[in-house]
C-alpha atoms as a PDB file:
ATOM      1  CA  MET A   1    -125.039  -1.489-100.968  1.00  0.00           C
ATOM      2  CA  VAL A   2    -121.248  -1.570-101.045  1.00  0.00           C
ATOM      3  CA  LEU A   3    -120.799   1.776 -99.237  1.00  0.00           C
ATOM      4  CA  ASP A   4    -122.958   0.530 -96.344  1.00  0.00           C
ATOM      5  CA  VAL A   5    -120.790  -2.600 -96.097  1.00  0.00           C
ATOM      6  CA  TRP A   6    -117.696  -0.376 -95.930  1.00  0.00           C
ATOM      7  CA  LYS A   7    -119.172   1.472 -92.933  1.00  0.00           C
ATOM      8  CA  GLN A   8    -119.820  -1.818 -91.138  1.00  0.00           C
ATOM      9  CA  ILE A   9    -116.300  -3.065 -91.844  1.00  0.00           C
ATOM     10  CA  LYS A  10    -114.797   0.155 -90.473  1.00  0.00           C
ATOM     11  CA  LYS A  11    -116.817  -0.408 -87.287  1.00  0.00           C
ATOM     12  CA  LYS A  12    -115.436  -3.972 -87.178  1.00  0.00           C
ATOM     13  CA  GLN A  13    -118.910  -5.405 -87.701  1.00  0.00           C
ATOM     14  CA  PHE A  14    -117.940  -8.371 -89.863  1.00  0.00           C
ATOM     15  CA  ALA A  15    -120.043 -10.985 -91.609  1.00  0.00           C
ATOM     16  CA  PRO A  16    -118.615 -14.545 -91.530  1.00  0.00           C
ATOM     17  CA  ILE A  17    -118.934 -14.805 -95.325  1.00  0.00           C
ATOM     18  CA  TYR A  18    -118.834 -12.161 -98.069  1.00  0.00           C
ATOM     19  CA  VAL A  19    -119.606 -12.539-101.756  1.00  0.00           C
ATOM     20  CA  LEU A  20    -118.200  -9.641-103.810  1.00  0.00           C
ATOM     21  CA  TYR A  21    -119.223  -9.546-107.459  1.00  0.00           C
ATOM     22  CA  GLY A  22    -119.925  -6.986-110.166  1.00  0.00           C
ATOM     23  CA  THR A  23    -118.326  -4.988-112.943  1.00  0.00           C
ATOM     24  CA  GLU A  24    -116.818  -2.191-110.815  1.00  0.00           C
ATOM     25  CA  ALA A  25    -113.397  -3.698-110.041  1.00  0.00           C
ATOM     26  CA  PHE A  26    -112.345  -0.744-107.899  1.00  0.00           C
ATOM     27  CA  LEU A  27    -115.140  -1.329-105.380  1.00  0.00           C
ATOM     28  CA  ILE A  28    -114.311  -5.036-105.115  1.00  0.00           C
ATOM     29  CA  ASN A  29    -110.608  -4.328-104.554  1.00  0.00           C
ATOM     30  CA  GLU A  30    -111.349  -1.544-102.081  1.00  0.00           C
ATOM     31  CA  THR A  31    -113.641  -3.838-100.055  1.00  0.00           C
ATOM     32  CA  LYS A  32    -110.927  -6.495 -99.863  1.00  0.00           C
ATOM     33  CA  GLN A  33    -108.371  -3.875 -98.800  1.00  0.00           C
ATOM     34  CA  LEU A  34    -110.696  -2.601 -96.059  1.00  0.00           C
ATOM     35  CA  LEU A  35    -111.196  -6.139 -94.764  1.00  0.00           C
ATOM     36  CA  MET A  36    -107.443  -6.699 -94.657  1.00  0.00           C
ATOM     37  CA  GLN A  37    -106.939  -3.429 -92.773  1.00  0.00           C
ATOM     38  CA  HIS A  38    -109.692  -3.961 -90.200  1.00  0.00           C
ATOM     39  CA  VAL A  39    -109.777  -7.739 -89.726  1.00  0.00           C
ATOM     40  CA  LEU A  40    -106.031  -8.230 -89.359  1.00  0.00           C
ATOM     41  CA  ASP A  41    -103.871  -6.162 -87.018  1.00  0.00           C
ATOM     42  CA  GLY A  42    -100.211  -5.402 -87.584  1.00  0.00           C
ATOM     43  CA  GLU A  43     -98.183  -8.414 -88.651  1.00  0.00           C
ATOM     44  CA  GLN A  44    -101.156 -10.806 -88.493  1.00  0.00           C
ATOM     45  CA  SER A  45    -101.495 -10.763 -92.267  1.00  0.00           C
ATOM     46  CA  ASP A  46     -98.262 -12.775 -92.448  1.00  0.00           C
ATOM     47  CA  PHE A  47     -99.954 -15.635 -90.609  1.00  0.00           C
ATOM     48  CA  ASN A  48    -103.717 -15.244 -90.932  1.00  0.00           C
ATOM     49  CA  LEU A  49    -104.323 -14.091 -94.507  1.00  0.00           C
ATOM     50  CA  SER A  50    -104.779 -16.663 -97.262  1.00  0.00           C
ATOM     51  CA  THR A  51    -105.653 -16.067-100.912  1.00  0.00           C
ATOM     52  CA  TYR A  52    -106.793 -18.754-103.344  1.00  0.00           C
ATOM     53  CA  ASP A  53    -107.672 -18.834-107.019  1.00  0.00           C
ATOM     54  CA  LEU A  54    -110.640 -21.197-107.282  1.00  0.00           C
ATOM     55  CA  GLU A  55    -109.850 -21.863-110.926  1.00  0.00           C
ATOM     56  CA  GLU A  56    -106.680 -23.580-109.672  1.00  0.00           C
ATOM     57  CA  THR A  57    -107.532 -24.751-106.145  1.00  0.00           C
ATOM     58  CA  PRO A  58    -110.460 -26.937-104.967  1.00  0.00           C
ATOM     59  CA  ILE A  59    -112.833 -25.231-102.554  1.00  0.00           C
ATOM     60  CA  GLU A  60    -112.302 -27.936 -99.901  1.00  0.00           C
ATOM     61  CA  VAL A  61    -108.635 -26.870 -99.545  1.00  0.00           C
ATOM     62  CA  ALA A  62    -109.737 -23.300 -98.774  1.00  0.00           C
ATOM     63  CA  ILE A  63    -112.413 -24.518 -96.341  1.00  0.00           C
ATOM     64  CA  GLU A  64    -109.828 -26.581 -94.482  1.00  0.00           C
ATOM     65  CA  ASP A  65    -107.765 -23.416 -94.150  1.00  0.00           C
ATOM     66  CA  ALA A  66    -110.809 -21.476 -92.885  1.00  0.00           C
ATOM     67  CA  GLU A  67    -111.389 -24.141 -90.226  1.00  0.00           C
ATOM     68  CA  THR A  68    -107.805 -23.788 -88.956  1.00  0.00           C
ATOM     69  CA  PHE A  69    -107.420 -21.669 -85.797  1.00  0.00           C
ATOM     70  CA  PRO A  70    -105.711 -18.289 -86.274  1.00  0.00           C
ATOM     71  CA  PHE A  71    -102.058 -17.997 -85.285  1.00  0.00           C
ATOM     72  CA  MET A  72    -101.059 -15.060 -83.056  1.00  0.00           C
ATOM     73  CA  GLY A  73    -104.387 -13.311 -83.634  1.00  0.00           C
ATOM     74  CA  ASP A  74    -108.164 -13.451 -83.261  1.00  0.00           C
ATOM     75  CA  LYS A  75    -109.275 -13.793 -86.884  1.00  0.00           C
ATOM     76  CA  ARG A  76    -108.342 -15.445 -90.148  1.00  0.00           C
ATOM     77  CA  LEU A  77    -109.164 -13.856 -93.508  1.00  0.00           C
ATOM     78  CA  ILE A  78    -109.606 -16.202 -96.461  1.00  0.00           C
ATOM     79  CA  ILE A  79    -109.985 -14.572 -99.896  1.00  0.00           C
ATOM     80  CA  LEU A  80    -111.292 -16.822-102.667  1.00  0.00           C
ATOM     81  CA  ASN A  81    -110.985 -15.353-106.160  1.00  0.00           C
ATOM     82  CA  ASN A  82    -112.852 -16.495-109.289  1.00  0.00           C
ATOM     83  CA  PRO A  83    -115.698 -18.586-107.805  1.00  0.00           C
ATOM     84  CA  SER A  84    -117.115 -19.319-111.251  1.00  0.00           C
ATOM     85  CA  PHE A  85    -119.338 -22.074-109.834  1.00  0.00           C
ATOM     86  CA  LEU A  86    -121.588 -19.263-108.517  1.00  0.00           C
ATOM     87  CA  THR A  87    -122.337 -18.143-112.077  1.00  0.00           C
ATOM     88  CA  ALA A  88    -123.680 -19.588-115.293  1.00  0.00           C
ATOM     89  CA  GLU A  89    -120.397 -18.804-117.044  1.00  0.00           C
ATOM     90  CA  LYS A  90    -118.370 -21.581-118.630  1.00  0.00           C
ATOM     91  CA  THR A  91    -114.689 -21.697-117.712  1.00  0.00           C
ATOM     92  CA  LYS A  92    -111.650 -23.641-118.900  1.00  0.00           C
ATOM     93  CA  SER A  93    -110.834 -24.648-115.323  1.00  0.00           C
ATOM     94  CA  LYS A  94    -110.598 -28.401-114.769  1.00  0.00           C
ATOM     95  CA  VAL A  95    -110.747 -28.116-110.967  1.00  0.00           C
ATOM     96  CA  GLU A  96    -113.501 -30.170-109.330  1.00  0.00           C
ATOM     97  CA  HIS A  97    -115.061 -28.497-106.280  1.00  0.00           C
ATOM     98  CA  ASN A  98    -116.723 -30.309-103.392  1.00  0.00           C
ATOM     99  CA  ILE A  99    -119.782 -28.055-103.261  1.00  0.00           C
ATOM    100  CA  LYS A 100    -121.433 -30.231-100.578  1.00  0.00           C
ATOM    101  CA  LYS A 101    -118.567 -29.432 -98.228  1.00  0.00           C
ATOM    102  CA  LEU A 102    -118.979 -25.727 -98.986  1.00  0.00           C
ATOM    103  CA  GLU A 103    -122.719 -25.936 -98.272  1.00  0.00           C
ATOM    104  CA  ALA A 104    -121.976 -27.532 -94.904  1.00  0.00           C
ATOM    105  CA  TYR A 105    -119.448 -24.785 -94.077  1.00  0.00           C
ATOM    106  CA  ILE A 106    -121.883 -22.009 -95.020  1.00  0.00           C
ATOM    107  CA  LYS A 107    -124.414 -23.387 -92.527  1.00  0.00           C
ATOM    108  CA  GLU A 108    -121.807 -23.468 -89.734  1.00  0.00           C
ATOM    109  CA  PRO A 109    -118.943 -21.088 -90.560  1.00  0.00           C
ATOM    110  CA  ALA A 110    -115.911 -20.993 -88.278  1.00  0.00           C
ATOM    111  CA  PRO A 111    -116.435 -18.117 -85.793  1.00  0.00           C
ATOM    112  CA  TYR A 112    -112.794 -17.088 -86.063  1.00  0.00           C
ATOM    113  CA  SER A 113    -112.616 -16.910 -89.897  1.00  0.00           C
ATOM    114  CA  ILE A 114    -113.966 -14.502 -92.488  1.00  0.00           C
ATOM    115  CA  VAL A 115    -114.326 -16.001 -95.950  1.00  0.00           C
ATOM    116  CA  VAL A 116    -114.542 -13.687 -98.974  1.00  0.00           C
ATOM    117  CA  PHE A 117    -115.641 -14.866-102.434  1.00  0.00           C
ATOM    118  CA  SER A 118    -114.560 -12.361-105.099  1.00  0.00           C
ATOM    119  CA  GLY A 119    -115.255 -12.273-108.836  1.00  0.00           C
ATOM    120  CA  SER A 120    -115.801  -9.640-111.518  1.00  0.00           C
ATOM    121  CA  TYR A 121    -119.020 -11.274-112.716  1.00  0.00           C
ATOM    122  CA  GLU A 122    -121.948  -9.239-113.974  1.00  0.00           C
ATOM    123  CA  LYS A 123    -124.395 -11.488-112.123  1.00  0.00           C
ATOM    124  CA  LEU A 124    -124.659 -14.656-110.068  1.00  0.00           C
ATOM    125  CA  ASP A 125    -126.697 -17.706-111.036  1.00  0.00           C
ATOM    126  CA  GLU A 126    -129.697 -17.347-108.726  1.00  0.00           C
ATOM    127  CA  ARG A 127    -130.956 -20.820-109.705  1.00  0.00           C
ATOM    128  CA  LYS A 128    -128.088 -22.639-108.033  1.00  0.00           C
ATOM    129  CA  LYS A 129    -128.566 -23.972-104.511  1.00  0.00           C
ATOM    130  CA  ILE A 130    -125.101 -22.811-103.438  1.00  0.00           C
ATOM    131  CA  THR A 131    -125.872 -19.242-104.519  1.00  0.00           C
ATOM    132  CA  LYS A 132    -129.132 -19.276-102.560  1.00  0.00           C
ATOM    133  CA  GLU A 133    -127.317 -20.595 -99.470  1.00  0.00           C
ATOM    134  CA  LEU A 134    -124.708 -17.832 -99.677  1.00  0.00           C
ATOM    135  CA  LYS A 135    -127.375 -15.143-100.072  1.00  0.00           C
ATOM    136  CA  ARG A 136    -129.209 -16.578 -97.077  1.00  0.00           C
ATOM    137  CA  ASN A 137    -126.204 -16.916 -94.768  1.00  0.00           C
ATOM    138  CA  GLY A 138    -123.633 -14.430 -96.056  1.00  0.00           C
ATOM    139  CA  SER A 139    -123.267 -10.798 -97.048  1.00  0.00           C
ATOM    140  CA  VAL A 140    -123.668 -10.568-100.826  1.00  0.00           C
ATOM    141  CA  VAL A 141    -122.338  -7.286-102.239  1.00  0.00           C
ATOM    142  CA  GLU A 142    -122.838  -6.182-105.847  1.00  0.00           C
ATOM    143  CA  ALA A 143    -120.097  -3.800-106.968  1.00  0.00           C
ATOM    144  CA  LYS A 144    -121.901  -1.729-109.572  1.00  0.00           C
ATOM    145  CA  LYS A 145    -121.433   1.797-110.875  1.00  0.00           C
ATOM    146  CA  LEU A 146    -122.213   4.441-108.259  1.00  0.00           C
ATOM    147  CA  ASN A 147    -124.913   6.965-109.118  1.00  0.00           C
ATOM    148  CA  GLU A 148    -124.189  10.690-108.923  1.00  0.00           C
ATOM    149  CA  GLN A 149    -125.172  11.107-105.266  1.00  0.00           C
ATOM    150  CA  GLU A 150    -123.222   8.014-104.241  1.00  0.00           C
ATOM    151  CA  LEU A 151    -120.183   9.263-106.161  1.00  0.00           C
ATOM    152  CA  LYS A 152    -120.368  12.623-104.406  1.00  0.00           C
ATOM    153  CA  GLY A 153    -120.682  10.900-101.036  1.00  0.00           C
ATOM    154  CA  TRP A 154    -117.721   8.682-101.855  1.00  0.00           C
ATOM    155  CA  ILE A 155    -115.589  11.720-102.815  1.00  0.00           C
ATOM    156  CA  LYS A 156    -116.474  13.423 -99.510  1.00  0.00           C
ATOM    157  CA  ASP A 157    -115.539  10.275 -97.580  1.00  0.00           C
ATOM    158  CA  ARG A 158    -112.273   9.929 -99.477  1.00  0.00           C
ATOM    159  CA  ALA A 159    -111.376  13.552 -98.693  1.00  0.00           C
ATOM    160  CA  ALA A 160    -112.388  13.076 -95.029  1.00  0.00           C
ATOM    161  CA  TYR A 161    -110.128  10.008 -94.867  1.00  0.00           C
ATOM    162  CA  HIS A 162    -107.246  12.442 -95.497  1.00  0.00           C
ATOM    163  CA  GLY A 163    -108.614  14.911 -92.936  1.00  0.00           C
ATOM    164  CA  VAL A 164    -109.818  17.540 -95.421  1.00  0.00           C
ATOM    165  CA  VAL A 165    -113.201  18.976 -96.407  1.00  0.00           C
ATOM    166  CA  ILE A 166    -114.228  19.376-100.047  1.00  0.00           C
ATOM    167  CA  ASP A 167    -116.829  21.927-101.216  1.00  0.00           C
ATOM    168  CA  GLU A 168    -119.933  20.850-103.154  1.00  0.00           C
ATOM    169  CA  ASP A 169    -118.988  22.953-106.185  1.00  0.00           C
ATOM    170  CA  ALA A 170    -115.480  21.462-106.038  1.00  0.00           C
ATOM    171  CA  ILE A 171    -116.984  17.957-106.188  1.00  0.00           C
ATOM    172  CA  GLU A 172    -119.100  18.961-109.180  1.00  0.00           C
ATOM    173  CA  GLN A 173    -116.052  20.415-110.915  1.00  0.00           C
ATOM    174  CA  LEU A 174    -113.995  17.314-110.125  1.00  0.00           C
ATOM    175  CA  LEU A 175    -116.601  15.016-111.716  1.00  0.00           C
ATOM    176  CA  THR A 176    -116.821  17.272-114.776  1.00  0.00           C
ATOM    177  CA  LEU A 177    -113.058  17.332-115.299  1.00  0.00           C
ATOM    178  CA  ALA A 178    -111.965  13.848-114.238  1.00  0.00           C
ATOM    179  CA  GLY A 179    -115.044  11.814-115.112  1.00  0.00           C
ATOM    180  CA  THR A 180    -116.611   9.035-113.042  1.00  0.00           C
ATOM    181  CA  ASN A 181    -113.842   6.411-113.088  1.00  0.00           C
ATOM    182  CA  LEU A 182    -113.103   5.593-109.437  1.00  0.00           C
ATOM    183  CA  PHE A 183    -109.429   4.794-110.028  1.00  0.00           C
ATOM    184  CA  MET A 184    -108.968   8.227-111.637  1.00  0.00           C
ATOM    185  CA  LEU A 185    -111.007   9.981-108.931  1.00  0.00           C
ATOM    186  CA  THR A 186    -109.002   8.305-106.169  1.00  0.00           C
ATOM    187  CA  THR A 187    -105.763   9.613-107.667  1.00  0.00           C
ATOM    188  CA  GLU A 188    -107.165  13.124-108.043  1.00  0.00           C
ATOM    189  CA  VAL A 189    -108.750  13.335-104.561  1.00  0.00           C
ATOM    190  CA  ASP A 190    -105.551  12.046-102.943  1.00  0.00           C
ATOM    191  CA  LYS A 191    -103.525  14.626-104.892  1.00  0.00           C
ATOM    192  CA  LEU A 192    -105.890  17.448-103.904  1.00  0.00           C
ATOM    193  CA  ALA A 193    -105.847  16.359-100.259  1.00  0.00           C
ATOM    194  CA  LEU A 194    -102.041  16.421-100.252  1.00  0.00           C
ATOM    195  CA  PHE A 195    -102.055  19.944-101.727  1.00  0.00           C
ATOM    196  CA  ALA A 196    -104.657  21.041 -99.130  1.00  0.00           C
ATOM    197  CA  GLU A 197    -102.739  19.507 -96.223  1.00  0.00           C
ATOM    198  CA  GLU A 198    -102.323  22.838 -94.417  1.00  0.00           C
ATOM    199  CA  GLU A 199    -105.617  24.497 -95.366  1.00  0.00           C
ATOM    200  CA  LYS A 200    -107.652  21.295 -94.830  1.00  0.00           C
ATOM    201  CA  HIS A 201    -110.066  22.540 -97.473  1.00  0.00           C
ATOM    202  CA  ILE A 202    -110.509  21.725-101.165  1.00  0.00           C
ATOM    203  CA  HIS A 203    -112.292  24.390-103.204  1.00  0.00           C
ATOM    204  CA  ALA A 204    -113.342  24.616-106.872  1.00  0.00           C
ATOM    205  CA  GLU A 205    -110.426  26.833-107.942  1.00  0.00           C
ATOM    206  CA  MET A 206    -107.978  24.260-106.595  1.00  0.00           C
ATOM    207  CA  VAL A 207    -109.734  21.537-108.592  1.00  0.00           C
ATOM    208  CA  GLU A 208    -109.632  23.663-111.752  1.00  0.00           C
ATOM    209  CA  ASN A 209    -105.894  24.261-111.383  1.00  0.00           C
ATOM    210  CA  LEU A 210    -104.724  20.811-110.291  1.00  0.00           C
ATOM    211  CA  VAL A 211    -106.969  18.113-111.716  1.00  0.00           C
ATOM    212  CA  SER A 212    -105.750  16.264-114.801  1.00  0.00           C
ATOM    213  CA  ARG A 213    -108.208  16.164-117.699  1.00  0.00           C
ATOM    214  CA  SER A 214    -108.925  12.775-119.200  1.00  0.00           C
ATOM    215  CA  LEU A 215    -109.062  12.557-123.000  1.00  0.00           C
ATOM    216  CA  GLU A 216    -112.854  12.277-122.769  1.00  0.00           C
ATOM    217  CA  GLN A 217    -113.073  15.404-120.615  1.00  0.00           C
ATOM    218  CA  ASN A 218    -110.851  17.337-123.032  1.00  0.00           C
ATOM    219  CA  ILE A 219    -113.193  16.227-125.809  1.00  0.00           C
ATOM    220  CA  PHE A 220    -116.154  17.346-123.696  1.00  0.00           C
ATOM    221  CA  ALA A 221    -114.527  20.784-123.385  1.00  0.00           C
ATOM    222  CA  LEU A 222    -113.911  20.802-127.148  1.00  0.00           C
ATOM    223  CA  VAL A 223    -117.569  19.927-127.789  1.00  0.00           C
ATOM    224  CA  ASP A 224    -118.608  22.686-125.381  1.00  0.00           C
ATOM    225  CA  LYS A 225    -116.609  25.196-127.448  1.00  0.00           C
ATOM    226  CA  ILE A 226    -118.304  23.876-130.602  1.00  0.00           C
ATOM    227  CA  VAL A 227    -121.727  24.226-128.985  1.00  0.00           C
ATOM    228  CA  ASN A 228    -121.019  27.872-128.216  1.00  0.00           C
ATOM    229  CA  ARG A 229    -119.362  28.478-131.630  1.00  0.00           C
ATOM    230  CA  ARG A 230    -116.011  29.270-130.007  1.00  0.00           C
ATOM    231  CA  ILE A 231    -114.269  27.436-132.810  1.00  0.00           C
ATOM    232  CA  ASP A 232    -110.929  29.190-132.284  1.00  0.00           C
ATOM    233  CA  GLN A 233    -110.817  27.781-128.742  1.00  0.00           C
ATOM    234  CA  ALA A 234    -111.881  24.371-130.059  1.00  0.00           C
ATOM    235  CA  PHE A 235    -108.887  24.492-132.422  1.00  0.00           C
ATOM    236  CA  ARG A 236    -106.553  25.235-129.487  1.00  0.00           C
ATOM    237  CA  ILE A 237    -107.837  22.230-127.538  1.00  0.00           C
ATOM    238  CA  TYR A 238    -107.459  20.039-130.634  1.00  0.00           C
ATOM    239  CA  TYR A 239    -103.863  21.144-131.247  1.00  0.00           C
ATOM    240  CA  ASP A 240    -103.051  20.567-127.560  1.00  0.00           C
ATOM    241  CA  LEU A 241    -104.375  17.022-127.888  1.00  0.00           C
ATOM    242  CA  LEU A 242    -102.188  16.459-130.958  1.00  0.00           C
ATOM    243  CA  LYS A 243     -99.155  17.683-128.974  1.00  0.00           C
ATOM    244  CA  GLN A 244    -100.024  15.014-126.392  1.00  0.00           C
ATOM    245  CA  ASN A 245     -99.777  12.429-129.210  1.00  0.00           C
ATOM    246  CA  GLU A 246    -103.490  11.651-129.193  1.00  0.00           C
ATOM    247  CA  GLU A 247    -104.634   9.966-132.408  1.00  0.00           C
ATOM    248  CA  PRO A 248    -106.830  12.230-134.612  1.00  0.00           C
ATOM    249  CA  ILE A 249    -109.056   9.258-135.491  1.00  0.00           C
ATOM    250  CA  LYS A 250    -109.602   8.556-131.786  1.00  0.00           C
ATOM    251  CA  ILE A 251    -110.404  12.241-131.161  1.00  0.00           C
ATOM    252  CA  LEU A 252    -112.900  12.243-134.040  1.00  0.00           C
ATOM    253  CA  SER A 253    -114.474   9.041-132.725  1.00  0.00           C
ATOM    254  CA  ILE A 254    -114.984  10.486-129.235  1.00  0.00           C
ATOM    255  CA  ILE A 255    -116.378  13.751-130.666  1.00  0.00           C
ATOM    256  CA  SER A 256    -118.847  11.687-132.700  1.00  0.00           C
ATOM    257  CA  GLY A 257    -119.736   9.634-129.631  1.00  0.00           C
ATOM    258  CA  GLN A 258    -120.399  12.765-127.584  1.00  0.00           C
ATOM    259  CA  PHE A 259    -122.662  14.286-130.247  1.00  0.00           C
ATOM    260  CA  ARG A 260    -124.424  10.940-130.658  1.00  0.00           C
ATOM    261  CA  LEU A 261    -125.048  10.951-126.899  1.00  0.00           C
ATOM    262  CA  ILE A 262    -126.365  14.536-127.049  1.00  0.00           C
ATOM    263  CA  TYR A 263    -128.724  13.538-129.872  1.00  0.00           C
ATOM    264  CA  GLN A 264    -129.960  10.431-128.040  1.00  0.00           C
ATOM    265  CA  VAL A 265    -130.460  12.310-124.761  1.00  0.00           C
ATOM    266  CA  LYS A 266    -132.384  15.062-126.577  1.00  0.00           C
ATOM    267  CA  GLU A 267    -134.670  12.540-128.300  1.00  0.00           C
ATOM    268  CA  LEU A 268    -135.309  10.440-125.196  1.00  0.00           C
ATOM    269  CA  SER A 269    -135.937  13.543-123.060  1.00  0.00           C
ATOM    270  CA  ARG A 270    -138.479  14.699-125.621  1.00  0.00           C
ATOM    271  CA  LYS A 271    -140.253  11.358-125.186  1.00  0.00           C
ATOM    272  CA  GLY A 272    -140.519  11.925-121.440  1.00  0.00           C
ATOM    273  CA  TYR A 273    -137.666   9.747-120.150  1.00  0.00           C
ATOM    274  CA  GLY A 274    -135.855  10.885-116.993  1.00  0.00           C
ATOM    275  CA  GLN A 275    -132.061  11.067-116.730  1.00  0.00           C
ATOM    276  CA  GLN A 276    -131.783   7.826-114.728  1.00  0.00           C
ATOM    277  CA  GLN A 277    -133.936   5.988-117.290  1.00  0.00           C
ATOM    278  CA  ILE A 278    -131.851   7.375-120.154  1.00  0.00           C
ATOM    279  CA  ALA A 279    -128.620   6.326-118.404  1.00  0.00           C
ATOM    280  CA  GLY A 280    -129.945   2.794-118.006  1.00  0.00           C
ATOM    281  CA  PHE A 281    -131.187   2.621-121.589  1.00  0.00           C
ATOM    282  CA  LEU A 282    -127.935   3.955-123.098  1.00  0.00           C
ATOM    283  CA  LYS A 283    -125.718   2.141-120.549  1.00  0.00           C
ATOM    284  CA  VAL A 284    -123.759   5.272-119.603  1.00  0.00           C
ATOM    285  CA  HIS A 285    -123.209   6.916-116.238  1.00  0.00           C
ATOM    286  CA  PRO A 286    -126.070   9.236-115.132  1.00  0.00           C
ATOM    287  CA  PHE A 287    -123.587  12.091-114.681  1.00  0.00           C
ATOM    288  CA  ARG A 288    -122.669  11.907-118.381  1.00  0.00           C
ATOM    289  CA  VAL A 289    -126.375  12.059-119.219  1.00  0.00           C
ATOM    290  CA  LYS A 290    -126.751  15.119-116.991  1.00  0.00           C
ATOM    291  CA  LEU A 291    -123.928  16.933-118.821  1.00  0.00           C
ATOM    292  CA  ALA A 292    -125.220  15.899-122.251  1.00  0.00           C
ATOM    293  CA  ALA A 293    -128.734  17.065-121.333  1.00  0.00           C
ATOM    294  CA  GLY A 294    -127.350  20.515-120.564  1.00  0.00           C
ATOM    295  CA  GLN A 295    -125.637  20.655-123.951  1.00  0.00           C
ATOM    296  CA  ALA A 296    -128.687  19.277-125.778  1.00  0.00           C
ATOM    297  CA  LYS A 297    -130.713  22.334-124.732  1.00  0.00           C
ATOM    298  CA  LEU A 298    -128.364  24.534-126.781  1.00  0.00           C
ATOM    299  CA  PHE A 299    -129.229  22.892-130.110  1.00  0.00           C
ATOM    300  CA  LYS A 300    -131.981  23.291-132.622  1.00  0.00           C
ATOM    301  CA  ASP A 301    -132.833  19.957-134.217  1.00  0.00           C
ATOM    302  CA  GLU A 302    -131.578  20.998-137.651  1.00  0.00           C
ATOM    303  CA  GLU A 303    -128.277  22.279-136.214  1.00  0.00           C
ATOM    304  CA  LEU A 304    -127.637  19.000-134.453  1.00  0.00           C
ATOM    305  CA  ALA A 305    -128.542  17.064-137.618  1.00  0.00           C
ATOM    306  CA  SER A 306    -126.104  19.202-139.613  1.00  0.00           C
ATOM    307  CA  ILE A 307    -123.235  18.494-137.214  1.00  0.00           C
ATOM    308  CA  MET A 308    -124.021  14.768-137.261  1.00  0.00           C
ATOM    309  CA  ASP A 309    -123.853  14.863-141.089  1.00  0.00           C
ATOM    310  CA  LYS A 310    -120.466  16.606-140.986  1.00  0.00           C
ATOM    311  CA  LEU A 311    -119.153  14.004-138.561  1.00  0.00           C
ATOM    312  CA  ALA A 312    -120.475  11.172-140.748  1.00  0.00           C
ATOM    313  CA  ASP A 313    -118.681  12.702-143.721  1.00  0.00           C
ATOM    314  CA  ALA A 314    -115.431  12.977-141.732  1.00  0.00           C
ATOM    315  CA  ASP A 315    -115.812   9.328-140.699  1.00  0.00           C
ATOM    316  CA  TYR A 316    -116.270   8.342-144.359  1.00  0.00           C
ATOM    317  CA  GLN A 317    -113.131  10.287-145.296  1.00  0.00           C
ATOM    318  CA  ALA A 318    -111.238   8.511-142.506  1.00  0.00           C
ATOM    319  CA  LYS A 319    -112.283   5.068-143.748  1.00  0.00           C
ATOM    320  CA  THR A 320    -111.633   5.746-147.425  1.00  0.00           C
ATOM    321  CA  GLY A 321    -108.344   7.558-146.882  1.00  0.00           C
ATOM    322  CA  GLY A 322    -109.569  10.640-148.733  1.00  0.00           C
ATOM    323  CA  MET A 323    -107.757  13.036-146.391  1.00  0.00           C
ATOM    324  CA  SER A 324    -104.844  12.995-143.942  1.00  0.00           C
ATOM    325  CA  LYS A 325    -105.833  12.021-140.407  1.00  0.00           C
ATOM    326  CA  GLU A 326    -104.700  15.326-138.894  1.00  0.00           C
ATOM    327  CA  LEU A 327    -106.834  17.306-141.360  1.00  0.00           C
ATOM    328  CA  LEU A 328    -110.058  15.400-140.649  1.00  0.00           C
ATOM    329  CA  VAL A 329    -110.879  17.195-137.392  1.00  0.00           C
ATOM    330  CA  GLU A 330    -109.515  20.488-138.752  1.00  0.00           C
ATOM    331  CA  MET A 331    -111.857  20.355-141.759  1.00  0.00           C
ATOM    332  CA  PHE A 332    -114.787  19.475-139.496  1.00  0.00           C
ATOM    333  CA  LEU A 333    -114.058  22.567-137.375  1.00  0.00           C
ATOM    334  CA  PHE A 334    -113.495  24.767-140.459  1.00  0.00           C
ATOM    335  CA  ARG A 335    -116.877  23.720-141.836  1.00  0.00           C
ATOM    336  CA  LEU A 336    -118.515  24.658-138.549  1.00  0.00           C
ATOM    337  CA  GLN A 337    -116.719  27.990-138.515  1.00  0.00           C
ATOM    338  CA  LYS A 338    -118.493  29.016-141.719  1.00  0.00           C
ATOM    339  CA  ASP A 339    -121.731  29.306-139.766  1.00  0.00           C
ATOM    340  CA  LYS A 340    -121.200  32.342-137.564  1.00  0.00           C
ATOM    341  CA  THR A 341    -124.644  32.140-135.926  1.00  0.00           C
ATOM    342  CA  PRO A 342    -124.481  30.977-132.271  1.00  0.00           C
ATOM    343  CA  LEU A 343    -126.462  27.860-131.477  1.00  0.00           C
ATOM    344  CA  LYS A 344    -129.762  28.404-129.706  1.00  0.00           C
ATOM    345  CA  SER A 345    -132.154  26.161-127.873  1.00  0.00           C
ATOM    346  CA  SER A 346    -135.015  24.651-129.869  1.00  0.00           C
END
């Protein structure tokens, strides 16, 4: 688990070889930054840090570097990007790698060097001998999406890094408003920590007042107003989005996507699937499923079907050019406003 590896790195408990792979680029970059901070002291990075692109440089060149004694320091850090030979992916690289030499190094790594393989690959090729050797002798870290509890733990750690404490309800509010993107969350936590520099405490009201809403979160708020038949407030959010130069077609698309998610979560929940299973099946973050599940409870089946029909009609109008783009969402909201009855759970 990547967060466990971070704890070891901070304690200066280093593995001689790391393999960082996965689709969560932030976690890969953060791990490399932590290694640079904790392996190399002061100006050592000028002498003892090397970075190679393995689509341009043969592996034996990097190994030769790893076998070179550090200069003015105790450790060398060798970062090797794009090790495509660990995957089944085909690349355009014409570089020939001496894999036998790498295998020999893996069995007897230099005690003064830390070698880091890094690639944004969804998976490694477990059939390859070199992959098996690395898994046996190195620390292989998959950078995948954090689940809700891991995200909350990461937010707490990020706040603690700045010397502040963040409340549980503030974390929940932060995830609701900013989403689950780690780059976005890092920016928001750092901003909140700066604001709370004197108080050393981040609370929910502070999050509500300071956190920037992503387009998706503004759409979520708009959908929430629709769910509760607060159409006048939904209009206000929509007009605010237009003032921010957001494309009406994009807004309509995200609204449709959110209602599609609500529908899918409702159906899968009815069939007995848990939120983690639904998240895996739909390939969305579990926290989004949790929010959609809460909204799904507010719909009767026929009400949800009616909204989906209205959205399908708006999509048809968008594709056939039957109405101006700005009016598409307006007409969708006007049609909803005709039904004054609040939505109720089925």
